[in-house]
Structure formats: C-alpha cells, structure tokens
Amino acid sequence: GSRIYVAGLGDKGKLMCLDAVTGKEIWAGYTGSTIYDSSPAIGEDFVVIGSVGSLLSAFNKATGNALGSYRLRDGHFLASPAVKGNRIFAGTFNDRVTALRLER
C-alpha cells in the first residue's frame, strides 16, 4: 500500500508508520521495551512487533493506538512474528512457538 511500518532501535521500543512516497512519519507507537531484530508483522487492521523482553505488542494499523501486549514465556524476542487472519505466531529463545488470537 502507501505505508511502511518499521521499528527503531532504542529502549522505548518505537514502531513507526511512514508514508511510502514522502517518508514522513504518520504515527509512532511505543512498546516500552527494547526492539533489536524483530520486524513488524502486518495484519488486516493491526501491526505486531516483538521486544527483547519477551513482549509482543499490537497496534492499530491506521492510527498507531496500542491494542494490547502479551509477555511470552522467558526468552529474548529477536525473531519477527507472523500473522494469518487474526492469529499471531511468535517465537522466542524459550524453544516454543506461541499462537495468539487478537480479539477486536
């Protein structure tokens, strides 16, 4: 589409939505936890991202409003989550993959 979703390094866990043509920031959301290697996964109307402290955070795709978060079992979150419909699949260094359903 016309938007790009990208995470920034830093201890606030910044997730940004940028205009694909101008590069201008449309919105920014914060997980409150450091993001290293996780990239955002884009659902129909939401975006999710993983943070190092096992935190998975969901944001409204259009507005950037936080929809909620879920702390997975212990283990750094360095991988990117995956989305299928309203299901989110995420893995950390705890040797498990977790599947969640985003309720709206």
N, C-alpha and C. Protein backbone atom coordinates (compact mmCIF):
# COMPACT_ATOMS: atom_id res chain seq x y z
N GLY A 1 0.82 -1.19 0.00
CA GLY A 1 0.00 0.00 0.00
C GLY A 1 0.86 1.25 0.00
N SER A 2 0.37 2.25 0.65
CA SER A 2 1.06 3.54 0.66
C SER A 2 1.77 3.81 1.98
N ARG A 3 1.88 2.78 2.82
CA ARG A 3 2.52 2.95 4.12
C ARG A 3 3.62 1.92 4.34
N ILE A 4 4.61 2.32 5.12
CA ILE A 4 5.72 1.44 5.50
C ILE A 4 5.73 1.39 7.02
N TYR A 5 5.87 0.19 7.58
CA TYR A 5 5.93 0.01 9.02
C TYR A 5 7.32 -0.47 9.38
N VAL A 6 7.97 0.23 10.30
CA VAL A 6 9.35 -0.09 10.64
C VAL A 6 9.59 0.18 12.12
N ALA A 7 10.46 -0.62 12.73
CA ALA A 7 10.81 -0.44 14.14
C ALA A 7 12.15 0.27 14.24
N GLY A 8 12.32 1.00 15.32
CA GLY A 8 13.57 1.70 15.57
C GLY A 8 14.27 1.12 16.79
N LEU A 9 15.59 1.18 16.79
CA LEU A 9 16.35 0.74 17.95
C LEU A 9 16.17 1.73 19.08
N GLY A 10 16.28 1.24 20.29
CA GLY A 10 16.16 2.11 21.45
C GLY A 10 15.36 1.44 22.54
N ASP A 11 15.51 1.95 23.75
CA ASP A 11 14.88 1.30 24.90
C ASP A 11 13.38 1.58 25.02
N LYS A 12 12.83 2.46 24.20
CA LYS A 12 11.39 2.74 24.25
C LYS A 12 10.58 1.85 23.31
N GLY A 13 11.25 1.13 22.42
CA GLY A 13 10.56 0.23 21.51
C GLY A 13 9.66 0.96 20.53
N LYS A 14 10.22 1.83 19.74
CA LYS A 14 9.44 2.66 18.82
C LYS A 14 9.07 1.91 17.55
N LEU A 15 7.79 1.91 17.22
CA LEU A 15 7.27 1.38 15.97
C LEU A 15 6.71 2.56 15.19
N MET A 16 7.10 2.70 13.93
CA MET A 16 6.67 3.85 13.14
C MET A 16 5.91 3.41 11.89
N CYS A 17 4.99 4.26 11.49
CA CYS A 17 4.28 4.13 10.23
C CYS A 17 4.69 5.34 9.39
N LEU A 18 5.25 5.07 8.21
CA LEU A 18 5.74 6.13 7.34
C LEU A 18 4.98 6.17 6.03
N ASP A 19 4.84 7.34 5.47
CA ASP A 19 4.26 7.48 4.14
C ASP A 19 5.27 6.94 3.13
N ALA A 20 4.85 6.02 2.28
CA ALA A 20 5.76 5.36 1.34
C ALA A 20 6.32 6.30 0.28
N VAL A 21 5.62 7.39 -0.01
CA VAL A 21 6.08 8.33 -1.03
C VAL A 21 6.99 9.39 -0.45
N THR A 22 6.56 10.01 0.65
CA THR A 22 7.31 11.14 1.21
C THR A 22 8.29 10.73 2.30
N GLY A 23 8.06 9.57 2.92
CA GLY A 23 8.91 9.14 4.03
C GLY A 23 8.54 9.81 5.35
N LYS A 24 7.52 10.65 5.35
CA LYS A 24 7.12 11.35 6.57
C LYS A 24 6.43 10.38 7.53
N GLU A 25 6.68 10.62 8.81
CA GLU A 25 6.07 9.80 9.85
C GLU A 25 4.58 10.11 9.96
N ILE A 26 3.76 9.06 9.88
CA ILE A 26 2.31 9.21 10.03
C ILE A 26 1.94 9.03 11.50
N TRP A 27 2.51 8.02 12.15
CA TRP A 27 2.32 7.82 13.58
C TRP A 27 3.50 7.05 14.15
N ALA A 28 3.62 7.11 15.46
CA ALA A 28 4.62 6.32 16.19
C ALA A 28 3.95 5.72 17.41
N GLY A 29 4.25 4.47 17.67
CA GLY A 29 3.77 3.79 18.86
C GLY A 29 4.96 3.24 19.62
N TYR A 30 4.79 3.02 20.91
CA TYR A 30 5.90 2.58 21.75
C TYR A 30 5.53 1.34 22.54
N THR A 31 6.41 0.33 22.50
CA THR A 31 6.19 -0.90 23.26
C THR A 31 6.64 -0.74 24.71
N GLY A 32 7.57 0.18 24.95
CA GLY A 32 8.15 0.34 26.29
C GLY A 32 9.24 -0.68 26.58
N SER A 33 9.63 -1.44 25.57
CA SER A 33 10.65 -2.47 25.72
C SER A 33 11.54 -2.47 24.48
N THR A 34 12.83 -2.67 24.66
CA THR A 34 13.80 -2.61 23.57
C THR A 34 13.48 -3.57 22.44
N ILE A 35 13.57 -3.07 21.21
CA ILE A 35 13.42 -3.89 20.00
C ILE A 35 14.79 -4.01 19.36
N TYR A 36 15.25 -5.25 19.08
CA TYR A 36 16.52 -5.45 18.39
C TYR A 36 16.29 -5.88 16.95
N ASP A 37 15.94 -7.15 16.77
CA ASP A 37 15.89 -7.72 15.43
C ASP A 37 14.50 -8.01 14.91
N SER A 38 13.48 -7.83 15.71
CA SER A 38 12.12 -8.13 15.28
C SER A 38 11.62 -7.08 14.30
N SER A 39 11.02 -7.55 13.24
CA SER A 39 10.36 -6.66 12.27
C SER A 39 8.86 -6.74 12.50
N PRO A 40 8.14 -5.70 12.13
CA PRO A 40 6.69 -5.74 12.31
C PRO A 40 6.04 -6.76 11.37
N ALA A 41 4.97 -7.37 11.86
CA ALA A 41 4.12 -8.22 11.03
C ALA A 41 2.80 -7.48 10.88
N ILE A 42 2.29 -7.47 9.66
CA ILE A 42 1.13 -6.65 9.35
C ILE A 42 -0.09 -7.52 9.12
N GLY A 43 -1.14 -7.26 9.91
CA GLY A 43 -2.42 -7.92 9.74
C GLY A 43 -3.36 -7.02 8.95
N GLU A 44 -4.61 -7.43 8.87
CA GLU A 44 -5.59 -6.67 8.10
C GLU A 44 -5.75 -5.25 8.65
N ASP A 45 -5.88 -5.13 9.98
CA ASP A 45 -6.06 -3.81 10.57
C ASP A 45 -5.18 -3.58 11.79
N PHE A 46 -4.14 -4.40 11.93
CA PHE A 46 -3.22 -4.25 13.06
C PHE A 46 -1.79 -4.58 12.64
N VAL A 47 -0.85 -4.14 13.48
CA VAL A 47 0.58 -4.40 13.29
C VAL A 47 1.10 -4.93 14.62
N VAL A 48 1.92 -5.98 14.59
CA VAL A 48 2.52 -6.51 15.81
C VAL A 48 4.03 -6.51 15.69
N ILE A 49 4.70 -6.40 16.85
CA ILE A 49 6.16 -6.38 16.90
C ILE A 49 6.60 -7.04 18.21
N GLY A 50 7.76 -7.67 18.17
CA GLY A 50 8.32 -8.30 19.36
C GLY A 50 9.43 -7.46 19.96
N SER A 51 9.52 -7.47 21.27
CA SER A 51 10.58 -6.76 22.00
C SER A 51 11.46 -7.77 22.72
N VAL A 52 12.67 -7.35 23.05
CA VAL A 52 13.66 -8.25 23.64
C VAL A 52 13.14 -8.94 24.89
N GLY A 53 12.43 -8.26 25.74
CA GLY A 53 11.96 -8.81 27.00
C GLY A 53 10.75 -9.72 26.86
N SER A 54 10.65 -10.45 25.77
CA SER A 54 9.57 -11.41 25.52
C SER A 54 8.20 -10.76 25.35
N LEU A 55 8.17 -9.47 25.01
CA LEU A 55 6.92 -8.75 24.90
C LEU A 55 6.47 -8.64 23.45
N LEU A 56 5.24 -9.04 23.19
CA LEU A 56 4.62 -8.92 21.87
C LEU A 56 3.59 -7.80 21.99
N SER A 57 3.67 -6.79 21.13
CA SER A 57 2.78 -5.63 21.21
C SER A 57 2.02 -5.46 19.90
N ALA A 58 0.74 -5.11 20.03
CA ALA A 58 -0.13 -4.91 18.87
C ALA A 58 -0.62 -3.46 18.82
N PHE A 59 -0.67 -2.92 17.59
CA PHE A 59 -1.09 -1.54 17.37
C PHE A 59 -2.11 -1.49 16.24
N ASN A 60 -3.01 -0.52 16.32
CA ASN A 60 -3.96 -0.28 15.24
C ASN A 60 -3.17 0.20 14.03
N LYS A 61 -3.37 -0.43 12.90
CA LYS A 61 -2.60 -0.13 11.68
C LYS A 61 -2.83 1.29 11.17
N ALA A 62 -4.02 1.82 11.32
CA ALA A 62 -4.34 3.14 10.79
C ALA A 62 -3.93 4.28 11.73
N THR A 63 -4.10 4.05 13.04
CA THR A 63 -3.90 5.16 13.99
C THR A 63 -2.66 5.04 14.85
N GLY A 64 -2.14 3.82 15.02
CA GLY A 64 -1.00 3.62 15.91
C GLY A 64 -1.39 3.43 17.36
N ASN A 65 -2.69 3.46 17.65
CA ASN A 65 -3.12 3.25 19.03
C ASN A 65 -2.77 1.84 19.48
N ALA A 66 -2.29 1.73 20.70
CA ALA A 66 -1.94 0.42 21.26
C ALA A 66 -3.21 -0.41 21.45
N LEU A 67 -3.17 -1.66 20.97
CA LEU A 67 -4.29 -2.58 21.13
C LEU A 67 -4.08 -3.52 22.31
N GLY A 68 -2.84 -3.69 22.70
CA GLY A 68 -2.52 -4.56 23.82
C GLY A 68 -1.17 -5.21 23.65
N SER A 69 -0.77 -5.94 24.66
CA SER A 69 0.51 -6.64 24.61
C SER A 69 0.40 -7.96 25.37
N TYR A 70 1.34 -8.83 25.09
CA TYR A 70 1.36 -10.14 25.73
C TYR A 70 2.82 -10.51 25.98
N ARG A 71 3.14 -10.89 27.21
CA ARG A 71 4.50 -11.30 27.52
C ARG A 71 4.60 -12.81 27.38
N LEU A 72 5.42 -13.25 26.43
CA LEU A 72 5.63 -14.67 26.22
C LEU A 72 6.49 -15.22 27.35
N ARG A 73 6.59 -16.54 27.43
CA ARG A 73 7.47 -17.14 28.44
C ARG A 73 8.87 -16.60 28.26
N ASP A 74 9.65 -16.67 29.32
CA ASP A 74 11.01 -16.13 29.31
C ASP A 74 11.77 -16.50 28.05
N GLY A 75 12.52 -15.55 27.56
CA GLY A 75 13.34 -15.76 26.37
C GLY A 75 13.31 -14.52 25.51
N HIS A 76 14.48 -14.08 25.07
CA HIS A 76 14.55 -12.87 24.25
C HIS A 76 13.76 -13.05 22.96
N PHE A 77 13.13 -11.98 22.53
CA PHE A 77 12.31 -11.95 21.31
C PHE A 77 13.15 -11.28 20.24
N LEU A 78 13.87 -12.05 19.45
CA LEU A 78 14.71 -11.50 18.39
C LEU A 78 14.17 -11.82 17.01
N ALA A 79 13.19 -12.69 16.93
CA ALA A 79 12.60 -13.05 15.64
C ALA A 79 11.40 -12.15 15.35
N SER A 80 10.94 -12.20 14.13
CA SER A 80 9.76 -11.44 13.74
C SER A 80 8.52 -12.32 13.89
N PRO A 81 7.42 -11.75 14.39
CA PRO A 81 6.19 -12.53 14.46
C PRO A 81 5.62 -12.73 13.06
N ALA A 82 4.63 -13.60 12.95
CA ALA A 82 3.92 -13.82 11.69
C ALA A 82 2.43 -13.68 11.97
N VAL A 83 1.68 -13.29 10.94
CA VAL A 83 0.25 -13.06 11.10
C VAL A 83 -0.50 -13.82 10.01
N LYS A 84 -1.62 -14.45 10.40
CA LYS A 84 -2.54 -15.09 9.47
C LYS A 84 -3.94 -14.81 10.00
N GLY A 85 -4.69 -13.97 9.29
CA GLY A 85 -6.01 -13.57 9.77
C GLY A 85 -5.86 -12.78 11.06
N ASN A 86 -6.55 -13.23 12.12
CA ASN A 86 -6.40 -12.56 13.41
C ASN A 86 -5.51 -13.37 14.35
N ARG A 87 -4.77 -14.31 13.81
CA ARG A 87 -3.82 -15.12 14.59
C ARG A 87 -2.41 -14.57 14.45
N ILE A 88 -1.71 -14.59 15.58
CA ILE A 88 -0.33 -14.12 15.63
C ILE A 88 0.53 -15.29 16.11
N PHE A 89 1.63 -15.54 15.41
CA PHE A 89 2.55 -16.61 15.75
C PHE A 89 3.89 -15.98 16.12
N ALA A 90 4.42 -16.37 17.27
CA ALA A 90 5.65 -15.74 17.75
C ALA A 90 6.52 -16.76 18.45
N GLY A 91 7.83 -16.61 18.29
CA GLY A 91 8.79 -17.48 18.95
C GLY A 91 9.88 -16.68 19.62
N THR A 92 10.32 -17.16 20.79
CA THR A 92 11.43 -16.53 21.50
C THR A 92 12.49 -17.61 21.75
N PHE A 93 13.54 -17.23 22.48
CA PHE A 93 14.59 -18.18 22.81
C PHE A 93 14.18 -19.10 23.95
N ASN A 94 12.93 -19.47 24.04
CA ASN A 94 12.49 -20.43 25.05
C ASN A 94 12.10 -21.77 24.39
N ASP A 95 12.48 -21.91 23.11
CA ASP A 95 12.23 -23.15 22.36
C ASP A 95 10.75 -23.44 22.15
N ARG A 96 9.92 -22.40 22.10
CA ARG A 96 8.50 -22.58 21.87
C ARG A 96 7.99 -21.57 20.87
N VAL A 97 6.97 -21.94 20.14
CA VAL A 97 6.24 -21.00 19.29
C VAL A 97 4.87 -20.83 19.93
N THR A 98 4.46 -19.60 20.07
CA THR A 98 3.18 -19.29 20.70
C THR A 98 2.22 -18.75 19.63
N ALA A 99 0.99 -19.24 19.66
CA ALA A 99 -0.05 -18.75 18.75
C ALA A 99 -1.09 -18.03 19.60
N LEU A 100 -1.43 -16.81 19.18
CA LEU A 100 -2.41 -15.99 19.88
C LEU A 100 -3.48 -15.53 18.90
N ARG A 101 -4.65 -15.26 19.41
CA ARG A 101 -5.71 -14.71 18.58
C ARG A 101 -5.98 -13.29 19.07
N LEU A 102 -5.93 -12.33 18.16
CA LEU A 102 -6.21 -10.94 18.50
C LEU A 102 -7.72 -10.74 18.49
N GLU A 103 -8.26 -10.42 19.64
CA GLU A 103 -9.70 -10.18 19.77
C GLU A 103 -9.94 -8.69 19.55
N ARG A 104 -10.95 -8.39 18.74
CA ARG A 104 -11.27 -6.98 18.49
C ARG A 104 -12.69 -6.70 18.87
